[in-house]
Amino acid sequence: MVMSIRKYWKIILITLLLLAAAIVGWRVWQAQTPEGQVRRQLRQLVECVSKKEGEGTTAGLLKGRAITELFAPECTLEFRSEMFCGTYTPSEITADFARFRVMFAQVEVGMRKLAITFSSPTEAAADFTGHLIGTLKTGGTVDAVRELVCHLRKIEGEWKITAITVREILER
């Protein structure tokens, strides 16, 4: 009886180890696919724009540097706002996001319902619902939800954002 229990536990342990290895392998493989690479770029953007309460200037500078790496040499932003509407260079986008972040004591940006389509091996579009919730330094709060489209192009082996626009939703 004791021998069969030990054999049983060994089989369970080996099965769990194989399952864990398969999950890790799948995650690594998924991250290397074009879709995984695009998802990683968008997650990086969300992390860079978000700001935790009490986050210092150094963290903001590091995030600004990371934002610069996410965008193509020319990127179109259309958010139906004077502050973020036009074609910009990565350094101009970084400066605008820095000004945006300064207005908030804390801000959290999120993505839901992400759907990525590829029109070619070097062109992608990501449709998603963007959510921004934050506390302004003046004490007010912001809670906004927008349907967004993000266009990306593979440039020198890296996916770069070429445009972010608010998707028009027709209402009845």
N, C-alpha and C. Protein backbone atom coordinates (compact mmCIF):
# COMPACT_ATOMS: atom_id res chain seq x y z
N MET A 1 0.83 -1.20 0.00
CA MET A 1 0.00 0.00 0.00
C MET A 1 0.86 1.26 0.00
N VAL A 2 1.91 1.30 0.82
CA VAL A 2 2.79 2.46 0.91
C VAL A 2 3.53 2.65 -0.41
N MET A 3 3.96 1.58 -1.05
CA MET A 3 4.67 1.66 -2.34
C MET A 3 3.78 2.26 -3.42
N SER A 4 2.50 1.86 -3.45
CA SER A 4 1.62 2.38 -4.49
C SER A 4 1.34 3.87 -4.29
N ILE A 5 1.27 4.34 -3.05
CA ILE A 5 1.06 5.77 -2.79
C ILE A 5 2.28 6.55 -3.23
N ARG A 6 3.47 6.04 -2.94
CA ARG A 6 4.69 6.72 -3.35
C ARG A 6 4.77 6.79 -4.88
N LYS A 7 4.42 5.71 -5.55
CA LYS A 7 4.41 5.72 -7.01
C LYS A 7 3.38 6.72 -7.53
N TYR A 8 2.24 6.76 -6.88
CA TYR A 8 1.18 7.66 -7.28
C TYR A 8 1.64 9.11 -7.15
N TRP A 9 2.30 9.47 -6.06
CA TRP A 9 2.78 10.84 -5.85
C TRP A 9 3.89 11.19 -6.85
N LYS A 10 4.71 10.23 -7.19
CA LYS A 10 5.76 10.48 -8.17
C LYS A 10 5.15 10.80 -9.53
N ILE A 11 4.11 10.06 -9.90
CA ILE A 11 3.44 10.30 -11.17
C ILE A 11 2.79 11.69 -11.18
N ILE A 12 2.14 12.06 -10.06
CA ILE A 12 1.52 13.38 -9.96
C ILE A 12 2.59 14.47 -10.05
N LEU A 13 3.69 14.29 -9.33
CA LEU A 13 4.76 15.28 -9.34
C LEU A 13 5.36 15.44 -10.74
N ILE A 14 5.62 14.33 -11.40
CA ILE A 14 6.17 14.39 -12.76
C ILE A 14 5.17 15.04 -13.71
N THR A 15 3.89 14.72 -13.57
CA THR A 15 2.86 15.32 -14.41
C THR A 15 2.79 16.83 -14.19
N LEU A 16 2.83 17.27 -12.94
CA LEU A 16 2.79 18.70 -12.64
C LEU A 16 4.02 19.42 -13.19
N LEU A 17 5.19 18.81 -13.08
CA LEU A 17 6.42 19.41 -13.62
C LEU A 17 6.35 19.53 -15.14
N LEU A 18 5.84 18.49 -15.81
CA LEU A 18 5.69 18.54 -17.26
C LEU A 18 4.67 19.60 -17.67
N LEU A 19 3.59 19.71 -16.92
CA LEU A 19 2.58 20.72 -17.20
C LEU A 19 3.17 22.12 -17.02
N ALA A 20 3.91 22.35 -15.95
CA ALA A 20 4.54 23.66 -15.72
C ALA A 20 5.53 23.98 -16.83
N ALA A 21 6.32 23.00 -17.26
CA ALA A 21 7.28 23.22 -18.35
C ALA A 21 6.55 23.55 -19.65
N ALA A 22 5.43 22.89 -19.91
CA ALA A 22 4.65 23.16 -21.12
C ALA A 22 4.08 24.58 -21.08
N ILE A 23 3.59 25.02 -19.94
CA ILE A 23 3.04 26.37 -19.81
C ILE A 23 4.13 27.41 -20.03
N VAL A 24 5.29 27.22 -19.41
CA VAL A 24 6.41 28.15 -19.59
C VAL A 24 6.84 28.17 -21.06
N GLY A 25 6.95 27.01 -21.68
CA GLY A 25 7.33 26.93 -23.09
C GLY A 25 6.32 27.63 -23.99
N TRP A 26 5.05 27.44 -23.72
CA TRP A 26 4.00 28.09 -24.51
C TRP A 26 4.09 29.60 -24.36
N ARG A 27 4.31 30.09 -23.13
CA ARG A 27 4.43 31.54 -22.89
C ARG A 27 5.62 32.13 -23.65
N VAL A 28 6.75 31.44 -23.61
CA VAL A 28 7.94 31.92 -24.32
C VAL A 28 7.69 31.93 -25.82
N TRP A 29 7.12 30.85 -26.34
CA TRP A 29 6.81 30.78 -27.77
C TRP A 29 5.82 31.88 -28.16
N GLN A 30 4.77 32.09 -27.35
CA GLN A 30 3.74 33.09 -27.63
C GLN A 30 4.35 34.50 -27.66
N ALA A 31 5.29 34.77 -26.76
CA ALA A 31 5.92 36.10 -26.69
C ALA A 31 6.77 36.38 -27.92
N GLN A 32 7.21 35.34 -28.63
CA GLN A 32 8.06 35.52 -29.79
C GLN A 32 7.27 35.62 -31.10
N THR A 33 5.98 35.38 -31.06
CA THR A 33 5.16 35.52 -32.26
C THR A 33 4.94 37.00 -32.53
N PRO A 34 4.63 37.38 -33.76
CA PRO A 34 4.33 38.79 -34.02
C PRO A 34 3.22 39.34 -33.12
N GLU A 35 2.18 38.56 -32.89
CA GLU A 35 1.10 39.02 -32.02
C GLU A 35 1.61 39.25 -30.60
N GLY A 36 2.44 38.36 -30.11
CA GLY A 36 3.03 38.53 -28.78
C GLY A 36 3.91 39.76 -28.69
N GLN A 37 4.65 40.03 -29.75
CA GLN A 37 5.51 41.22 -29.78
C GLN A 37 4.68 42.50 -29.77
N VAL A 38 3.59 42.52 -30.54
CA VAL A 38 2.72 43.69 -30.56
C VAL A 38 2.07 43.88 -29.19
N ARG A 39 1.59 42.81 -28.60
CA ARG A 39 1.00 42.89 -27.25
C ARG A 39 2.00 43.46 -26.25
N ARG A 40 3.25 43.02 -26.34
CA ARG A 40 4.28 43.49 -25.42
C ARG A 40 4.51 45.00 -25.59
N GLN A 41 4.52 45.49 -26.83
CA GLN A 41 4.71 46.92 -27.08
C GLN A 41 3.55 47.72 -26.46
N LEU A 42 2.34 47.24 -26.65
CA LEU A 42 1.18 47.95 -26.12
C LEU A 42 1.15 47.92 -24.59
N ARG A 43 1.51 46.79 -24.00
CA ARG A 43 1.60 46.71 -22.53
C ARG A 43 2.65 47.69 -22.00
N GLN A 44 3.77 47.79 -22.72
CA GLN A 44 4.83 48.72 -22.33
C GLN A 44 4.31 50.16 -22.37
N LEU A 45 3.54 50.50 -23.40
CA LEU A 45 2.97 51.84 -23.51
C LEU A 45 2.05 52.13 -22.32
N VAL A 46 1.19 51.19 -21.99
CA VAL A 46 0.27 51.36 -20.86
C VAL A 46 1.05 51.57 -19.57
N GLU A 47 2.10 50.78 -19.36
CA GLU A 47 2.91 50.92 -18.14
C GLU A 47 3.61 52.27 -18.08
N CYS A 48 4.10 52.75 -19.23
CA CYS A 48 4.82 54.02 -19.26
C CYS A 48 3.91 55.22 -19.02
N VAL A 49 2.68 55.16 -19.49
CA VAL A 49 1.76 56.28 -19.33
C VAL A 49 1.18 56.31 -17.92
N SER A 50 1.00 55.16 -17.31
CA SER A 50 0.44 55.10 -15.96
C SER A 50 1.43 55.71 -14.96
N LYS A 51 0.87 56.24 -13.87
CA LYS A 51 1.70 56.87 -12.84
C LYS A 51 1.13 56.53 -11.47
N LYS A 52 1.96 55.95 -10.64
CA LYS A 52 1.55 55.61 -9.28
C LYS A 52 1.65 56.86 -8.40
N GLU A 53 0.81 56.91 -7.39
CA GLU A 53 0.85 58.06 -6.47
C GLU A 53 2.23 58.12 -5.80
N GLY A 54 2.80 59.30 -5.79
CA GLY A 54 4.11 59.49 -5.17
C GLY A 54 5.28 59.10 -6.06
N GLU A 55 4.99 58.74 -7.31
CA GLU A 55 6.06 58.36 -8.23
C GLU A 55 6.95 59.57 -8.49
N GLY A 56 8.24 59.37 -8.37
CA GLY A 56 9.18 60.47 -8.48
C GLY A 56 9.55 60.85 -9.90
N THR A 57 10.34 61.91 -9.99
CA THR A 57 10.78 62.43 -11.28
C THR A 57 11.65 61.43 -12.02
N THR A 58 12.50 60.72 -11.30
CA THR A 58 13.40 59.75 -11.93
C THR A 58 12.60 58.67 -12.64
N ALA A 59 11.58 58.15 -11.98
CA ALA A 59 10.74 57.12 -12.60
C ALA A 59 10.06 57.68 -13.85
N GLY A 60 9.61 58.93 -13.77
CA GLY A 60 8.99 59.56 -14.93
C GLY A 60 9.95 59.71 -16.09
N LEU A 61 11.20 60.06 -15.80
CA LEU A 61 12.21 60.19 -16.85
C LEU A 61 12.52 58.85 -17.50
N LEU A 62 12.61 57.80 -16.68
CA LEU A 62 12.85 56.46 -17.23
C LEU A 62 11.69 56.01 -18.11
N LYS A 63 10.48 56.28 -17.67
CA LYS A 63 9.31 55.92 -18.47
C LYS A 63 9.28 56.73 -19.76
N GLY A 64 9.67 57.99 -19.69
CA GLY A 64 9.72 58.83 -20.88
C GLY A 64 10.70 58.29 -21.91
N ARG A 65 11.83 57.84 -21.42
CA ARG A 65 12.83 57.25 -22.33
C ARG A 65 12.28 55.99 -22.99
N ALA A 66 11.56 55.18 -22.21
CA ALA A 66 10.97 53.95 -22.75
C ALA A 66 9.88 54.28 -23.78
N ILE A 67 9.11 55.35 -23.54
CA ILE A 67 8.06 55.74 -24.48
C ILE A 67 8.68 56.07 -25.84
N THR A 68 9.81 56.76 -25.82
CA THR A 68 10.48 57.16 -27.07
C THR A 68 10.76 55.95 -27.95
N GLU A 69 11.10 54.83 -27.36
CA GLU A 69 11.45 53.62 -28.11
C GLU A 69 10.24 52.92 -28.73
N LEU A 70 9.03 53.28 -28.29
CA LEU A 70 7.82 52.58 -28.75
C LEU A 70 7.26 53.13 -30.06
N PHE A 71 7.67 54.34 -30.44
CA PHE A 71 7.04 55.02 -31.56
C PHE A 71 7.93 55.08 -32.80
N ALA A 72 7.27 55.10 -33.95
CA ALA A 72 7.95 55.23 -35.25
C ALA A 72 8.49 56.66 -35.37
N PRO A 73 9.40 56.91 -36.33
CA PRO A 73 9.95 58.26 -36.50
C PRO A 73 8.88 59.34 -36.68
N GLU A 74 7.75 58.99 -37.27
CA GLU A 74 6.60 59.88 -37.35
C GLU A 74 5.37 59.10 -36.92
N CYS A 75 4.60 59.69 -36.01
CA CYS A 75 3.42 59.01 -35.49
C CYS A 75 2.26 60.00 -35.42
N THR A 76 1.10 59.55 -35.87
CA THR A 76 -0.10 60.38 -35.84
C THR A 76 -0.92 60.03 -34.60
N LEU A 77 -1.25 61.05 -33.82
CA LEU A 77 -2.11 60.89 -32.65
C LEU A 77 -3.37 61.70 -32.88
N GLU A 78 -4.52 61.07 -32.71
CA GLU A 78 -5.81 61.75 -32.85
C GLU A 78 -6.72 61.34 -31.71
N PHE A 79 -6.71 62.16 -30.65
CA PHE A 79 -7.51 61.89 -29.47
C PHE A 79 -8.65 62.88 -29.29
N ARG A 80 -8.98 63.65 -30.35
CA ARG A 80 -10.01 64.68 -30.27
C ARG A 80 -9.68 65.69 -29.16
N SER A 81 -8.42 66.02 -29.05
CA SER A 81 -7.96 66.96 -28.03
C SER A 81 -6.86 67.79 -28.64
N GLU A 82 -6.83 69.07 -28.32
CA GLU A 82 -5.78 69.94 -28.83
C GLU A 82 -4.40 69.43 -28.42
N MET A 83 -4.30 68.89 -27.21
CA MET A 83 -3.00 68.47 -26.68
C MET A 83 -2.43 67.28 -27.45
N PHE A 84 -3.30 66.38 -27.90
CA PHE A 84 -2.82 65.17 -28.56
C PHE A 84 -3.51 65.00 -29.92
N CYS A 85 -3.18 65.84 -30.86
CA CYS A 85 -3.75 65.71 -32.19
C CYS A 85 -2.75 66.23 -33.20
N GLY A 86 -2.25 65.33 -34.06
CA GLY A 86 -1.28 65.73 -35.08
C GLY A 86 -0.26 64.64 -35.32
N THR A 87 0.77 64.98 -36.09
CA THR A 87 1.85 64.05 -36.38
C THR A 87 3.08 64.51 -35.60
N TYR A 88 3.68 63.56 -34.89
CA TYR A 88 4.76 63.89 -33.96
C TYR A 88 5.95 62.96 -34.14
N THR A 89 7.10 63.41 -33.66
CA THR A 89 8.28 62.56 -33.55
C THR A 89 8.25 61.89 -32.17
N PRO A 90 9.02 60.84 -31.97
CA PRO A 90 9.04 60.20 -30.65
C PRO A 90 9.42 61.16 -29.52
N SER A 91 10.35 62.07 -29.75
CA SER A 91 10.74 63.00 -28.69
C SER A 91 9.60 63.98 -28.37
N GLU A 92 8.83 64.39 -29.37
CA GLU A 92 7.68 65.26 -29.13
C GLU A 92 6.59 64.52 -28.35
N ILE A 93 6.39 63.25 -28.68
CA ILE A 93 5.39 62.44 -27.97
C ILE A 93 5.82 62.28 -26.52
N THR A 94 7.10 62.03 -26.30
CA THR A 94 7.61 61.88 -24.94
C THR A 94 7.37 63.16 -24.13
N ALA A 95 7.63 64.31 -24.74
CA ALA A 95 7.41 65.58 -24.05
C ALA A 95 5.93 65.78 -23.72
N ASP A 96 5.04 65.46 -24.67
CA ASP A 96 3.61 65.59 -24.43
C ASP A 96 3.14 64.66 -23.32
N PHE A 97 3.61 63.42 -23.33
CA PHE A 97 3.22 62.49 -22.27
C PHE A 97 3.77 62.93 -20.92
N ALA A 98 4.96 63.53 -20.90
CA ALA A 98 5.51 64.05 -19.65
C ALA A 98 4.61 65.16 -19.10
N ARG A 99 4.16 66.07 -19.98
CA ARG A 99 3.24 67.13 -19.54
C ARG A 99 1.92 66.54 -19.06
N PHE A 100 1.45 65.52 -19.76
CA PHE A 100 0.21 64.84 -19.37
C PHE A 100 0.36 64.24 -17.98
N ARG A 101 1.46 63.54 -17.74
CA ARG A 101 1.68 62.87 -16.45
C ARG A 101 1.83 63.86 -15.30
N VAL A 102 2.38 65.05 -15.58
CA VAL A 102 2.57 66.07 -14.54
C VAL A 102 1.23 66.56 -14.00
N MET A 103 0.19 66.53 -14.82
CA MET A 103 -1.13 67.00 -14.38
C MET A 103 -1.75 66.09 -13.33
N PHE A 104 -1.28 64.84 -13.25
CA PHE A 104 -1.90 63.84 -12.37
C PHE A 104 -1.06 63.54 -11.14
N ALA A 105 -1.75 63.35 -10.00
CA ALA A 105 -1.09 62.81 -8.81
C ALA A 105 -0.88 61.31 -9.03
N GLN A 106 -1.86 60.70 -9.65
CA GLN A 106 -1.78 59.29 -10.05
C GLN A 106 -2.73 59.06 -11.19
N VAL A 107 -2.33 58.17 -12.10
CA VAL A 107 -3.18 57.83 -13.24
C VAL A 107 -2.91 56.39 -13.64
N GLU A 108 -3.97 55.68 -13.92
CA GLU A 108 -3.85 54.29 -14.36
C GLU A 108 -4.50 54.15 -15.72
N VAL A 109 -3.75 53.60 -16.64
CA VAL A 109 -4.24 53.38 -17.99
C VAL A 109 -4.35 51.88 -18.21
N GLY A 110 -5.42 51.45 -18.85
CA GLY A 110 -5.61 50.02 -19.10
C GLY A 110 -6.15 49.76 -20.49
N MET A 111 -6.05 48.50 -20.89
CA MET A 111 -6.55 48.04 -22.19
C MET A 111 -7.44 46.83 -21.96
N ARG A 112 -8.56 46.81 -22.66
CA ARG A 112 -9.45 45.65 -22.63
C ARG A 112 -9.86 45.33 -24.05
N LYS A 113 -10.32 44.13 -24.27
CA LYS A 113 -10.85 43.68 -25.56
C LYS A 113 -9.87 43.93 -26.70
N LEU A 114 -8.61 43.56 -26.49
CA LEU A 114 -7.57 43.77 -27.50
C LEU A 114 -7.72 42.75 -28.63
N ALA A 115 -7.81 43.26 -29.86
CA ALA A 115 -7.87 42.41 -31.06
C ALA A 115 -6.82 42.93 -32.03
N ILE A 116 -5.90 42.05 -32.43
CA ILE A 116 -4.81 42.43 -33.31
C ILE A 116 -5.00 41.76 -34.66
N THR A 117 -4.88 42.56 -35.73
CA THR A 117 -4.95 42.03 -37.09
C THR A 117 -3.70 42.47 -37.84
N PHE A 118 -3.27 41.62 -38.76
CA PHE A 118 -2.08 41.89 -39.55
C PHE A 118 -2.48 42.04 -41.01
N SER A 119 -2.17 43.20 -41.61
CA SER A 119 -2.46 43.40 -43.02
C SER A 119 -1.29 42.92 -43.88
N SER A 120 -0.12 42.78 -43.27
CA SER A 120 1.07 42.24 -43.92
C SER A 120 2.02 41.79 -42.81
N PRO A 121 3.12 41.14 -43.13
CA PRO A 121 4.07 40.73 -42.08
C PRO A 121 4.70 41.91 -41.33
N THR A 122 4.59 43.12 -41.88
CA THR A 122 5.19 44.28 -41.22
C THR A 122 4.18 45.36 -40.83
N GLU A 123 2.89 45.09 -40.98
CA GLU A 123 1.84 46.07 -40.64
C GLU A 123 0.80 45.39 -39.76
N ALA A 124 0.44 46.07 -38.66
CA ALA A 124 -0.56 45.53 -37.75
C ALA A 124 -1.48 46.64 -37.26
N ALA A 125 -2.68 46.25 -36.89
CA ALA A 125 -3.63 47.17 -36.27
C ALA A 125 -4.18 46.51 -35.01
N ALA A 126 -4.25 47.27 -33.95
CA ALA A 126 -4.77 46.77 -32.69
C ALA A 126 -5.99 47.59 -32.30
N ASP A 127 -7.13 46.94 -32.21
CA ASP A 127 -8.36 47.59 -31.74
C ASP A 127 -8.54 47.21 -30.28
N PHE A 128 -8.84 48.20 -29.44
CA PHE A 128 -9.04 47.90 -28.02
C PHE A 128 -9.82 49.01 -27.35
N THR A 129 -10.29 48.71 -26.16
CA THR A 129 -10.94 49.70 -25.32
C THR A 129 -9.91 50.21 -24.34
N GLY A 130 -9.66 51.51 -24.39
CA GLY A 130 -8.71 52.12 -23.47
C GLY A 130 -9.46 52.72 -22.30
N HIS A 131 -8.91 52.55 -21.11
CA HIS A 131 -9.53 53.07 -19.89
C HIS A 131 -8.50 53.88 -19.13
N LEU A 132 -8.85 55.12 -18.78
CA LEU A 132 -7.98 55.99 -18.03
C LEU A 132 -8.72 56.43 -16.79
N ILE A 133 -8.11 56.20 -15.64
CA ILE A 133 -8.70 56.66 -14.38
C ILE A 133 -7.58 57.28 -13.57
N GLY A 134 -7.82 58.49 -13.09
CA GLY A 134 -6.76 59.17 -12.37
C GLY A 134 -7.26 60.28 -11.47
N THR A 135 -6.34 60.75 -10.64
CA THR A 135 -6.59 61.87 -9.75
C THR A 135 -5.68 63.01 -10.16
N LEU A 136 -6.28 64.14 -10.50
CA LEU A 136 -5.51 65.31 -10.90
C LEU A 136 -4.85 65.94 -9.66
N LYS A 137 -3.77 66.64 -9.88
CA LYS A 137 -3.10 67.31 -8.77
C LYS A 137 -3.99 68.40 -8.17
N THR A 138 -4.95 68.88 -8.94
CA THR A 138 -5.89 69.88 -8.44
C THR A 138 -6.98 69.27 -7.57
N GLY A 139 -7.02 67.92 -7.51
CA GLY A 139 -8.00 67.23 -6.67
C GLY A 139 -9.13 66.59 -7.44
N GLY A 140 -9.32 66.98 -8.69
CA GLY A 140 -10.38 66.39 -9.50
C GLY A 140 -10.04 64.96 -9.92
N THR A 141 -11.04 64.28 -10.45
CA THR A 141 -10.81 62.92 -10.92
C THR A 141 -11.18 62.81 -12.40
N VAL A 142 -10.56 61.86 -13.06
CA VAL A 142 -10.84 61.59 -14.47
C VAL A 142 -11.12 60.10 -14.59
N ASP A 143 -12.20 59.77 -15.28
CA ASP A 143 -12.53 58.37 -15.55
C ASP A 143 -13.07 58.34 -16.98
N ALA A 144 -12.21 57.92 -17.93
CA ALA A 144 -12.58 57.98 -19.34
C ALA A 144 -12.38 56.62 -20.00
N VAL A 145 -13.28 56.30 -20.90
CA VAL A 145 -13.19 55.07 -21.67
C VAL A 145 -13.33 55.45 -23.15
N ARG A 146 -12.41 54.94 -23.98
CA ARG A 146 -12.45 55.24 -25.41
C ARG A 146 -12.13 53.97 -26.20
N GLU A 147 -12.77 53.86 -27.35
CA GLU A 147 -12.44 52.79 -28.29
C GLU A 147 -11.28 53.32 -29.14
N LEU A 148 -10.17 52.62 -29.17
CA LEU A 148 -8.97 53.10 -29.85
C LEU A 148 -8.49 52.11 -30.91
N VAL A 149 -7.80 52.66 -31.91
CA VAL A 149 -7.13 51.86 -32.92
C VAL A 149 -5.67 52.30 -32.93
N CYS A 150 -4.80 51.34 -32.82
CA CYS A 150 -3.36 51.61 -32.82
C CYS A 150 -2.75 50.88 -34.01
N HIS A 151 -2.07 51.63 -34.88
CA HIS A 151 -1.40 51.03 -36.04
C HIS A 151 0.09 50.89 -35.73
N LEU A 152 0.65 49.75 -36.09
CA LEU A 152 2.06 49.49 -35.85
C LEU A 152 2.74 49.02 -37.12
N ARG A 153 4.03 49.29 -37.23
CA ARG A 153 4.83 48.85 -38.36
C ARG A 153 6.13 48.27 -37.81
N LYS A 154 6.57 47.18 -38.42
CA LYS A 154 7.84 46.59 -38.01
C LYS A 154 8.96 47.35 -38.70
N ILE A 155 9.78 48.03 -37.89
CA ILE A 155 10.88 48.84 -38.38
C ILE A 155 12.17 48.33 -37.75
N GLU A 156 13.09 47.90 -38.58
CA GLU A 156 14.38 47.36 -38.12
C GLU A 156 14.18 46.27 -37.06
N GLY A 157 13.19 45.40 -37.31
CA GLY A 157 12.96 44.24 -36.45
C GLY A 157 12.13 44.51 -35.21
N GLU A 158 11.71 45.76 -34.98
CA GLU A 158 10.91 46.11 -33.80
C GLU A 158 9.57 46.68 -34.24
N TRP A 159 8.50 46.32 -33.53
CA TRP A 159 7.18 46.89 -33.80
C TRP A 159 7.12 48.28 -33.20
N LYS A 160 6.82 49.27 -34.05
CA LYS A 160 6.74 50.67 -33.63
C LYS A 160 5.33 51.19 -33.91
N ILE A 161 4.84 52.02 -33.03
CA ILE A 161 3.51 52.60 -33.18
C ILE A 161 3.58 53.73 -34.20
N THR A 162 2.73 53.66 -35.23
CA THR A 162 2.70 54.70 -36.27
C THR A 162 1.48 55.61 -36.15
N ALA A 163 0.44 55.15 -35.46
CA ALA A 163 -0.76 55.98 -35.28
C ALA A 163 -1.60 55.43 -34.14
N ILE A 164 -2.22 56.34 -33.40
CA ILE A 164 -3.23 55.98 -32.41
C ILE A 164 -4.39 56.94 -32.63
N THR A 165 -5.57 56.37 -32.87
CA THR A 165 -6.75 57.20 -33.11
C THR A 165 -7.93 56.69 -32.30
N VAL A 166 -8.84 57.62 -32.01
CA VAL A 166 -10.10 57.25 -31.37
C VAL A 166 -11.00 56.71 -32.46
N ARG A 167 -11.55 55.52 -32.23
CA ARG A 167 -12.44 54.91 -33.21
C ARG A 167 -13.83 55.52 -33.05
N GLU A 168 -14.39 55.93 -34.15
CA GLU A 168 -15.73 56.52 -34.14
C GLU A 168 -16.76 55.42 -33.90
N ILE A 169 -17.60 55.62 -32.94
CA ILE A 169 -18.68 54.70 -32.65
C ILE A 169 -20.00 55.39 -33.00
N LEU A 170 -20.74 54.78 -33.90
CA LEU A 170 -22.03 55.36 -34.28
C LEU A 170 -23.08 55.00 -33.25
N GLU A 171 -23.83 56.01 -32.81
CA GLU A 171 -24.90 55.78 -31.84
C GLU A 171 -26.24 55.97 -32.53
N ARG A 172 -27.25 55.26 -32.05
CA ARG A 172 -28.60 55.41 -32.60
C ARG A 172 -29.31 56.54 -31.94
